Amino acid sequence: MKLTRYLYKGPQSAATLRLAEPSKLLEVQLMPGAPVDLPADHEYVLVLLALKHLELLPDAAAGAPEVPQSTDAVIATVKKGGKA
């Protein structure tokens, strides 16, 4: 999973994104003024961009890490029908 680094500029929030990989969730804490690693092609990310709550960080052009380097995101494996 490739993540892109953004600067979050919206209200404090949290989200759990369902990824294309089966049974994978990406949990993120969204804090104003904090960087966050998100999948660029996810519908929720596209909405945040349209609302101008996300700004692409300059270092994102150099390539984002495959796995987040901070605690901004945690990947959880969820069993079918189970809860995280």
PDB file of N, CA and C in Angstrom:
ATOM      1  N   MET A   1       0.842  -1.174   0.000  1.00  0.00           N
ATOM      2  CA  MET A   1       0.000   0.000   0.000  1.00  0.00           C
ATOM      3  C   MET A   1       0.887   1.237   0.000  1.00  0.00           C
ATOM      4  N   LYS A   2       0.685   2.084  -0.966  1.00  0.00           N
ATOM      5  CA  LYS A   2       1.463   3.313  -1.073  1.00  0.00           C
ATOM      6  C   LYS A   2       0.690   4.467  -0.443  1.00  0.00           C
ATOM      7  N   LEU A   3       1.362   5.188   0.433  1.00  0.00           N
ATOM      8  CA  LEU A   3       0.745   6.320   1.120  1.00  0.00           C
ATOM      9  C   LEU A   3       1.400   7.616   0.667  1.00  0.00           C
ATOM     10  N   THR A   4       0.620   8.681   0.672  1.00  0.00           N
ATOM     11  CA  THR A   4       1.095  10.004   0.306  1.00  0.00           C
ATOM     12  C   THR A   4       0.998  10.889   1.543  1.00  0.00           C
ATOM     13  N   ARG A   5       1.982  11.737   1.748  1.00  0.00           N
ATOM     14  CA  ARG A   5       2.008  12.609   2.930  1.00  0.00           C
ATOM     15  C   ARG A   5       1.316  13.935   2.630  1.00  0.00           C
ATOM     16  N   TYR A   6       0.391  14.289   3.516  1.00  0.00           N
ATOM     17  CA  TYR A   6      -0.369  15.530   3.423  1.00  0.00           C
ATOM     18  C   TYR A   6      -0.242  16.306   4.728  1.00  0.00           C
ATOM     19  N   LEU A   7      -0.539  17.599   4.662  1.00  0.00           N
ATOM     20  CA  LEU A   7      -0.704  18.421   5.851  1.00  0.00           C
ATOM     21  C   LEU A   7      -2.206  18.562   6.053  1.00  0.00           C
ATOM     22  N   TYR A   8      -2.691  18.189   7.233  1.00  0.00           N
ATOM     23  CA  TYR A   8      -4.127  18.265   7.513  1.00  0.00           C
ATOM     24  C   TYR A   8      -4.466  19.643   8.054  1.00  0.00           C
ATOM     25  N   LYS A   9      -5.495  20.278   7.477  1.00  0.00           N
ATOM     26  CA  LYS A   9      -5.869  21.645   7.858  1.00  0.00           C
ATOM     27  C   LYS A   9      -7.332  21.748   8.272  1.00  0.00           C
ATOM     28  N   GLY A  10      -7.989  20.633   8.529  1.00  0.00           N
ATOM     29  CA  GLY A  10      -9.393  20.652   8.936  1.00  0.00           C
ATOM     30  C   GLY A  10      -9.521  20.548  10.444  1.00  0.00           C
ATOM     31  N   PRO A  11     -10.742  20.318  10.934  1.00  0.00           N
ATOM     32  CA  PRO A  11     -10.963  20.158  12.368  1.00  0.00           C
ATOM     33  C   PRO A  11     -10.414  18.821  12.862  1.00  0.00           C
ATOM     34  N   GLN A  12     -10.113  18.747  14.154  1.00  0.00           N
ATOM     35  CA  GLN A  12      -9.611  17.502  14.730  1.00  0.00           C
ATOM     36  C   GLN A  12     -10.625  16.394  14.481  1.00  0.00           C
ATOM     37  N   SER A  13     -10.122  15.243  14.040  1.00  0.00           N
ATOM     38  CA  SER A  13     -11.006  14.154  13.674  1.00  0.00           C
ATOM     39  C   SER A  13     -10.232  12.847  13.650  1.00  0.00           C
ATOM     40  N   ALA A  14     -10.937  11.771  13.432  1.00  0.00           N
ATOM     41  CA  ALA A  14     -10.336  10.453  13.252  1.00  0.00           C
ATOM     42  C   ALA A  14     -11.153   9.719  12.194  1.00  0.00           C
ATOM     43  N   ALA A  15     -10.511   8.799  11.500  1.00  0.00           N
ATOM     44  CA  ALA A  15     -11.211   8.041  10.461  1.00  0.00           C
ATOM     45  C   ALA A  15     -10.600   6.658  10.332  1.00  0.00           C
ATOM     46  N   THR A  16     -11.412   5.719   9.910  1.00  0.00           N
ATOM     47  CA  THR A  16     -10.955   4.376   9.580  1.00  0.00           C
ATOM     48  C   THR A  16     -11.274   4.158   8.105  1.00  0.00           C
ATOM     49  N   LEU A  17     -10.233   3.956   7.310  1.00  0.00           N
ATOM     50  CA  LEU A  17     -10.393   3.785   5.865  1.00  0.00           C
ATOM     51  C   LEU A  17     -10.281   2.313   5.499  1.00  0.00           C
ATOM     52  N   ARG A  18     -11.233   1.824   4.726  1.00  0.00           N
ATOM     53  CA  ARG A  18     -11.168   0.446   4.222  1.00  0.00           C
ATOM     54  C   ARG A  18     -10.294   0.464   2.976  1.00  0.00           C
ATOM     55  N   LEU A  19      -9.268  -0.378   2.970  1.00  0.00           N
ATOM     56  CA  LEU A  19      -8.316  -0.421   1.864  1.00  0.00           C
ATOM     57  C   LEU A  19      -8.708  -1.499   0.866  1.00  0.00           C
ATOM     58  N   ALA A  20      -8.077  -1.450  -0.293  1.00  0.00           N
ATOM     59  CA  ALA A  20      -8.370  -2.416  -1.350  1.00  0.00           C
ATOM     60  C   ALA A  20      -7.967  -3.835  -0.944  1.00  0.00           C
ATOM     61  N   GLU A  21      -6.934  -3.928  -0.107  1.00  0.00           N
ATOM     62  CA  GLU A  21      -6.497  -5.243   0.352  1.00  0.00           C
ATOM     63  C   GLU A  21      -7.587  -5.844   1.238  1.00  0.00           C
ATOM     64  N   PRO A  22      -7.897  -7.116   1.051  1.00  0.00           N
ATOM     65  CA  PRO A  22      -8.958  -7.735   1.856  1.00  0.00           C
ATOM     66  C   PRO A  22      -8.657  -7.641   3.355  1.00  0.00           C
ATOM     67  N   SER A  23      -9.670  -7.280   4.103  1.00  0.00           N
ATOM     68  CA  SER A  23      -9.614  -7.233   5.565  1.00  0.00           C
ATOM     69  C   SER A  23      -8.576  -6.256   6.118  1.00  0.00           C
ATOM     70  N   LYS A  24      -8.254  -5.197   5.384  1.00  0.00           N
ATOM     71  CA  LYS A  24      -7.292  -4.209   5.876  1.00  0.00           C
ATOM     72  C   LYS A  24      -7.990  -2.871   6.108  1.00  0.00           C
ATOM     73  N   LEU A  25      -7.706  -2.294   7.259  1.00  0.00           N
ATOM     74  CA  LEU A  25      -8.214  -0.975   7.601  1.00  0.00           C
ATOM     75  C   LEU A  25      -7.044  -0.075   7.942  1.00  0.00           C
ATOM     76  N   LEU A  26      -7.183   1.198   7.652  1.00  0.00           N
ATOM     77  CA  LEU A  26      -6.170   2.189   7.994  1.00  0.00           C
ATOM     78  C   LEU A  26      -6.835   3.180   8.941  1.00  0.00           C
ATOM     79  N   GLU A  27      -6.386   3.209  10.188  1.00  0.00           N
ATOM     80  CA  GLU A  27      -6.938   4.126  11.183  1.00  0.00           C
ATOM     81  C   GLU A  27      -6.030   5.340  11.271  1.00  0.00           C
ATOM     82  N   VAL A  28      -6.612   6.536  11.153  1.00  0.00           N
ATOM     83  CA  VAL A  28      -5.818   7.760  11.190  1.00  0.00           C
ATOM     84  C   VAL A  28      -6.411   8.757  12.175  1.00  0.00           C
ATOM     85  N   GLN A  29      -5.534   9.475  12.851  1.00  0.00           N
ATOM     86  CA  GLN A  29      -5.909  10.603  13.693  1.00  0.00           C
ATOM     87  C   GLN A  29      -5.590  11.852  12.885  1.00  0.00           C
ATOM     88  N   LEU A  30      -6.572  12.708  12.696  1.00  0.00           N
ATOM     89  CA  LEU A  30      -6.401  13.917  11.897  1.00  0.00           C
ATOM     90  C   LEU A  30      -6.355  15.114  12.840  1.00  0.00           C
ATOM     91  N   MET A  31      -5.180  15.700  12.972  1.00  0.00           N
ATOM     92  CA  MET A  31      -4.963  16.832  13.866  1.00  0.00           C
ATOM     93  C   MET A  31      -4.597  18.052  13.032  1.00  0.00           C
ATOM     94  N   PRO A  32      -5.236  19.198  13.280  1.00  0.00           N
ATOM     95  CA  PRO A  32      -4.926  20.410  12.514  1.00  0.00           C
ATOM     96  C   PRO A  32      -3.439  20.755  12.564  1.00  0.00           C
ATOM     97  N   GLY A  33      -2.854  21.002  11.397  1.00  0.00           N
ATOM     98  CA  GLY A  33      -1.450  21.372  11.305  1.00  0.00           C
ATOM     99  C   GLY A  33      -0.473  20.215  11.360  1.00  0.00           C
ATOM    100  N   ALA A  34      -0.969  18.995  11.446  1.00  0.00           N
ATOM    101  CA  ALA A  34      -0.094  17.818  11.549  1.00  0.00           C
ATOM    102  C   ALA A  34      -0.018  17.082  10.214  1.00  0.00           C
ATOM    103  N   PRO A  35       1.157  16.507   9.917  1.00  0.00           N
ATOM    104  CA  PRO A  35       1.260  15.687   8.702  1.00  0.00           C
ATOM    105  C   PRO A  35       0.539  14.355   8.905  1.00  0.00           C
ATOM    106  N   VAL A  36       0.031  13.807   7.813  1.00  0.00           N
ATOM    107  CA  VAL A  36      -0.657  12.523   7.870  1.00  0.00           C
ATOM    108  C   VAL A  36      -0.391  11.783   6.557  1.00  0.00           C
ATOM    109  N   ASP A  37      -0.199  10.475   6.641  1.00  0.00           N
ATOM    110  CA  ASP A  37       0.026   9.626   5.474  1.00  0.00           C
ATOM    111  C   ASP A  37      -1.278   8.926   5.104  1.00  0.00           C
ATOM    112  N   LEU A  38      -1.745   9.159   3.873  1.00  0.00           N
ATOM    113  CA  LEU A  38      -3.020   8.617   3.414  1.00  0.00           C
ATOM    114  C   LEU A  38      -2.886   8.084   1.986  1.00  0.00           C
ATOM    115  N   PRO A  39      -3.740   7.106   1.606  1.00  0.00           N
ATOM    116  CA  PRO A  39      -3.745   6.637   0.216  1.00  0.00           C
ATOM    117  C   PRO A  39      -4.379   7.694  -0.691  1.00  0.00           C
ATOM    118  N   ALA A  40      -3.630   8.193  -1.663  1.00  0.00           N
ATOM    119  CA  ALA A  40      -4.059   9.319  -2.505  1.00  0.00           C
ATOM    120  C   ALA A  40      -5.331   9.032  -3.299  1.00  0.00           C
ATOM    121  N   ASP A  41      -5.582   7.778  -3.633  1.00  0.00           N
ATOM    122  CA  ASP A  41      -6.725   7.455  -4.487  1.00  0.00           C
ATOM    123  C   ASP A  41      -7.978   7.049  -3.709  1.00  0.00           C
ATOM    124  N   HIS A  42      -7.955   7.150  -2.380  1.00  0.00           N
ATOM    125  CA  HIS A  42      -9.109   6.760  -1.570  1.00  0.00           C
ATOM    126  C   HIS A  42     -10.196   7.839  -1.647  1.00  0.00           C
ATOM    127  N   GLU A  43     -11.450   7.428  -1.696  1.00  0.00           N
ATOM    128  CA  GLU A  43     -12.575   8.353  -1.826  1.00  0.00           C
ATOM    129  C   GLU A  43     -12.594   9.396  -0.701  1.00  0.00           C
ATOM    130  N   TYR A  44     -12.333   8.994   0.529  1.00  0.00           N
ATOM    131  CA  TYR A  44     -12.342   9.924   1.666  1.00  0.00           C
ATOM    132  C   TYR A  44     -11.253  10.993   1.511  1.00  0.00           C
ATOM    133  N   VAL A  45     -10.093  10.577   1.027  1.00  0.00           N
ATOM    134  CA  VAL A  45      -8.989  11.517   0.809  1.00  0.00           C
ATOM    135  C   VAL A  45      -9.360  12.522  -0.274  1.00  0.00           C
ATOM    136  N   LEU A  46     -10.021  12.061  -1.318  1.00  0.00           N
ATOM    137  CA  LEU A  46     -10.461  12.957  -2.390  1.00  0.00           C
ATOM    138  C   LEU A  46     -11.465  13.993  -1.869  1.00  0.00           C
ATOM    139  N   VAL A  47     -12.335  13.580  -0.957  1.00  0.00           N
ATOM    140  CA  VAL A  47     -13.293  14.512  -0.348  1.00  0.00           C
ATOM    141  C   VAL A  47     -12.552  15.548   0.498  1.00  0.00           C
ATOM    142  N   LEU A  48     -11.578  15.093   1.310  1.00  0.00           N
ATOM    143  CA  LEU A  48     -10.806  16.027   2.139  1.00  0.00           C
ATOM    144  C   LEU A  48     -10.037  17.024   1.273  1.00  0.00           C
ATOM    145  N   LEU A  49      -9.537  16.574   0.141  1.00  0.00           N
ATOM    146  CA  LEU A  49      -8.852  17.483  -0.783  1.00  0.00           C
ATOM    147  C   LEU A  49      -9.825  18.508  -1.364  1.00  0.00           C
ATOM    148  N   ALA A  50     -11.025  18.068  -1.738  1.00  0.00           N
ATOM    149  CA  ALA A  50     -12.027  18.976  -2.289  1.00  0.00           C
ATOM    150  C   ALA A  50     -12.455  20.028  -1.263  1.00  0.00           C
ATOM    151  N   LEU A  51     -12.493  19.631   0.008  1.00  0.00           N
ATOM    152  CA  LEU A  51     -12.847  20.556   1.088  1.00  0.00           C
ATOM    153  C   LEU A  51     -11.677  21.452   1.494  1.00  0.00           C
ATOM    154  N   LYS A  52     -10.516  21.218   0.874  1.00  0.00           N
ATOM    155  CA  LYS A  52      -9.278  21.952   1.194  1.00  0.00           C
ATOM    156  C   LYS A  52      -8.819  21.705   2.637  1.00  0.00           C
ATOM    157  N   HIS A  53      -9.105  20.493   3.131  1.00  0.00           N
ATOM    158  CA  HIS A  53      -8.637  20.091   4.454  1.00  0.00           C
ATOM    159  C   HIS A  53      -7.277  19.406   4.385  1.00  0.00           C
ATOM    160  N   LEU A  54      -6.828  19.087   3.183  1.00  0.00           N
ATOM    161  CA  LEU A  54      -5.517  18.466   2.985  1.00  0.00           C
ATOM    162  C   LEU A  54      -4.700  19.291   2.008  1.00  0.00           C
ATOM    163  N   GLU A  55      -3.404  19.347   2.272  1.00  0.00           N
ATOM    164  CA  GLU A  55      -2.459  20.007   1.369  1.00  0.00           C
ATOM    165  C   GLU A  55      -1.300  19.035   1.149  1.00  0.00           C
ATOM    166  N   LEU A  56      -0.982  18.761  -0.103  1.00  0.00           N
ATOM    167  CA  LEU A  56       0.124  17.865  -0.433  1.00  0.00           C
ATOM    168  C   LEU A  56       1.425  18.477   0.058  1.00  0.00           C
ATOM    169  N   LEU A  57       2.185  17.716   0.829  1.00  0.00           N
ATOM    170  CA  LEU A  57       3.466  18.224   1.323  1.00  0.00           C
ATOM    171  C   LEU A  57       4.533  18.094   0.246  1.00  0.00           C
ATOM    172  N   PRO A  58       5.481  19.038   0.189  1.00  0.00           N
ATOM    173  CA  PRO A  58       6.513  19.029  -0.854  1.00  0.00           C
ATOM    174  C   PRO A  58       7.320  17.735  -0.903  1.00  0.00           C
ATOM    175  N   ASP A  59       7.600  17.118   0.248  1.00  0.00           N
ATOM    176  CA  ASP A  59       8.388  15.892   0.253  1.00  0.00           C
ATOM    177  C   ASP A  59       7.606  14.712  -0.291  1.00  0.00           C
ATOM    178  N   ALA A  60       6.285  14.856  -0.493  1.00  0.00           N
ATOM    179  CA  ALA A  60       5.470  13.773  -1.044  1.00  0.00           C
ATOM    180  C   ALA A  60       5.840  13.491  -2.492  1.00  0.00           C
ATOM    181  N   ALA A  61       6.338  14.499  -3.199  1.00  0.00           N
ATOM    182  CA  ALA A  61       6.735  14.309  -4.593  1.00  0.00           C
ATOM    183  C   ALA A  61       7.928  13.371  -4.708  1.00  0.00           C
ATOM    184  N   ALA A  62       8.741  13.307  -3.657  1.00  0.00           N
ATOM    185  CA  ALA A  62       9.910  12.437  -3.658  1.00  0.00           C
ATOM    186  C   ALA A  62       9.531  10.988  -3.416  1.00  0.00           C
ATOM    187  N   GLY A  63       8.280  10.739  -3.027  1.00  0.00           N
ATOM    188  CA  GLY A  63       7.822   9.371  -2.789  1.00  0.00           C
ATOM    189  C   GLY A  63       7.532   9.151  -1.321  1.00  0.00           C
ATOM    190  N   ALA A  64       6.372   8.630  -1.039  1.00  0.00           N
ATOM    191  CA  ALA A  64       5.959   8.370   0.335  1.00  0.00           C
ATOM    192  C   ALA A  64       6.377   6.961   0.731  1.00  0.00           C
ATOM    193  N   PRO A  65       6.502   6.714   2.014  1.00  0.00           N
ATOM    194  CA  PRO A  65       6.883   5.376   2.470  1.00  0.00           C
ATOM    195  C   PRO A  65       5.757   4.375   2.237  1.00  0.00           C
ATOM    196  N   GLU A  66       6.120   3.130   2.104  1.00  0.00           N
ATOM    197  CA  GLU A  66       5.129   2.075   1.975  1.00  0.00           C
ATOM    198  C   GLU A  66       4.388   1.904   3.293  1.00  0.00           C
ATOM    199  N   VAL A  67       5.091   2.077   4.391  1.00  0.00           N
ATOM    200  CA  VAL A  67       4.506   1.969   5.723  1.00  0.00           C
ATOM    201  C   VAL A  67       4.764   3.283   6.432  1.00  0.00           C
ATOM    202  N   PRO A  68       3.776   3.850   7.139  1.00  0.00           N
ATOM    203  CA  PRO A  68       3.970   5.133   7.804  1.00  0.00           C
ATOM    204  C   PRO A  68       5.147   5.101   8.763  1.00  0.00           C
ATOM    205  N   GLN A  69       5.887   6.214   8.827  1.00  0.00           N
ATOM    206  CA  GLN A  69       7.043   6.311   9.696  1.00  0.00           C
ATOM    207  C   GLN A  69       6.676   6.866  11.071  1.00  0.00           C
ATOM    208  N   SER A  70       5.401   7.194  11.285  1.00  0.00           N
ATOM    209  CA  SER A  70       4.977   7.756  12.558  1.00  0.00           C
ATOM    210  C   SER A  70       3.726   7.055  13.033  1.00  0.00           C
ATOM    211  N   THR A  71       3.169   7.537  14.118  1.00  0.00           N
ATOM    212  CA  THR A  71       1.951   6.944  14.653  1.00  0.00           C
ATOM    213  C   THR A  71       0.707   7.576  14.059  1.00  0.00           C
ATOM    214  N   ASP A  72       0.845   8.309  12.934  1.00  0.00           N
ATOM    215  CA  ASP A  72      -0.310   8.928  12.288  1.00  0.00           C
ATOM    216  C   ASP A  72      -1.297   7.881  11.795  1.00  0.00           C
ATOM    217  N   ALA A  73      -0.802   6.710  11.467  1.00  0.00           N
ATOM    218  CA  ALA A  73      -1.686   5.685  10.927  1.00  0.00           C
ATOM    219  C   ALA A  73      -1.304   4.324  11.475  1.00  0.00           C
ATOM    220  N   VAL A  74      -2.292   3.507  11.727  1.00  0.00           N
ATOM    221  CA  VAL A  74      -2.088   2.153  12.212  1.00  0.00           C
ATOM    222  C   VAL A  74      -2.919   1.243  11.334  1.00  0.00           C
ATOM    223  N   ILE A  75      -2.284   0.200  10.842  1.00  0.00           N
ATOM    224  CA  ILE A  75      -3.000  -0.746   9.998  1.00  0.00           C
ATOM    225  C   ILE A  75      -3.501  -1.871  10.888  1.00  0.00           C
ATOM    226  N   ALA A  76      -4.780  -2.157  10.788  1.00  0.00           N
ATOM    227  CA  ALA A  76      -5.370  -3.212  11.601  1.00  0.00           C
ATOM    228  C   ALA A  76      -5.941  -4.281  10.686  1.00  0.00           C
ATOM    229  N   THR A  77      -5.713  -5.520  11.037  1.00  0.00           N
ATOM    230  CA  THR A  77      -6.309  -6.617  10.304  1.00  0.00           C
ATOM    231  C   THR A  77      -7.607  -6.975  10.999  1.00  0.00           C
ATOM    232  N   VAL A  78      -8.673  -7.045  10.234  1.00  0.00           N
ATOM    233  CA  VAL A  78      -9.978  -7.322  10.800  1.00  0.00           C
ATOM    234  C   VAL A  78     -10.483  -8.631  10.229  1.00  0.00           C
ATOM    235  N   LYS A  79     -10.931  -9.508  11.120  1.00  0.00           N
ATOM    236  CA  LYS A  79     -11.496 -10.759  10.670  1.00  0.00           C
ATOM    237  C   LYS A  79     -12.856 -10.476  10.056  1.00  0.00           C
ATOM    238  N   LYS A  80     -13.235 -11.293   9.101  1.00  0.00           N
ATOM    239  CA  LYS A  80     -14.518 -11.120   8.437  1.00  0.00           C
ATOM    240  C   LYS A  80     -15.629 -11.141   9.474  1.00  0.00           C
ATOM    241  N   GLY A  81     -16.426 -10.075   9.492  1.00  0.00           N
ATOM    242  CA  GLY A  81     -17.536  -9.985  10.439  1.00  0.00           C
ATOM    243  C   GLY A  81     -17.114  -9.522  11.822  1.00  0.00           C
ATOM    244  N   GLY A  82     -15.822  -9.308  12.036  1.00  0.00           N
ATOM    245  CA  GLY A  82     -15.335  -8.900  13.354  1.00  0.00           C
ATOM    246  C   GLY A  82     -15.161  -7.408  13.454  1.00  0.00           C
ATOM    247  N   LYS A  83     -14.755  -6.965  14.617  1.00  0.00           N
ATOM    248  CA  LYS A  83     -14.515  -5.544  14.859  1.00  0.00           C
ATOM    249  C   LYS A  83     -13.057  -5.337  15.190  1.00  0.00           C
ATOM    250  N   ALA A  84     -12.554  -4.156  14.856  1.00  0.00           N
ATOM    251  CA  ALA A  84     -11.145  -3.820  15.133  1.00  0.00           C
ATOM    252  C   ALA A  84     -10.959  -3.513  16.590  1.00  0.00           C
TER     253      ALA A  84
END
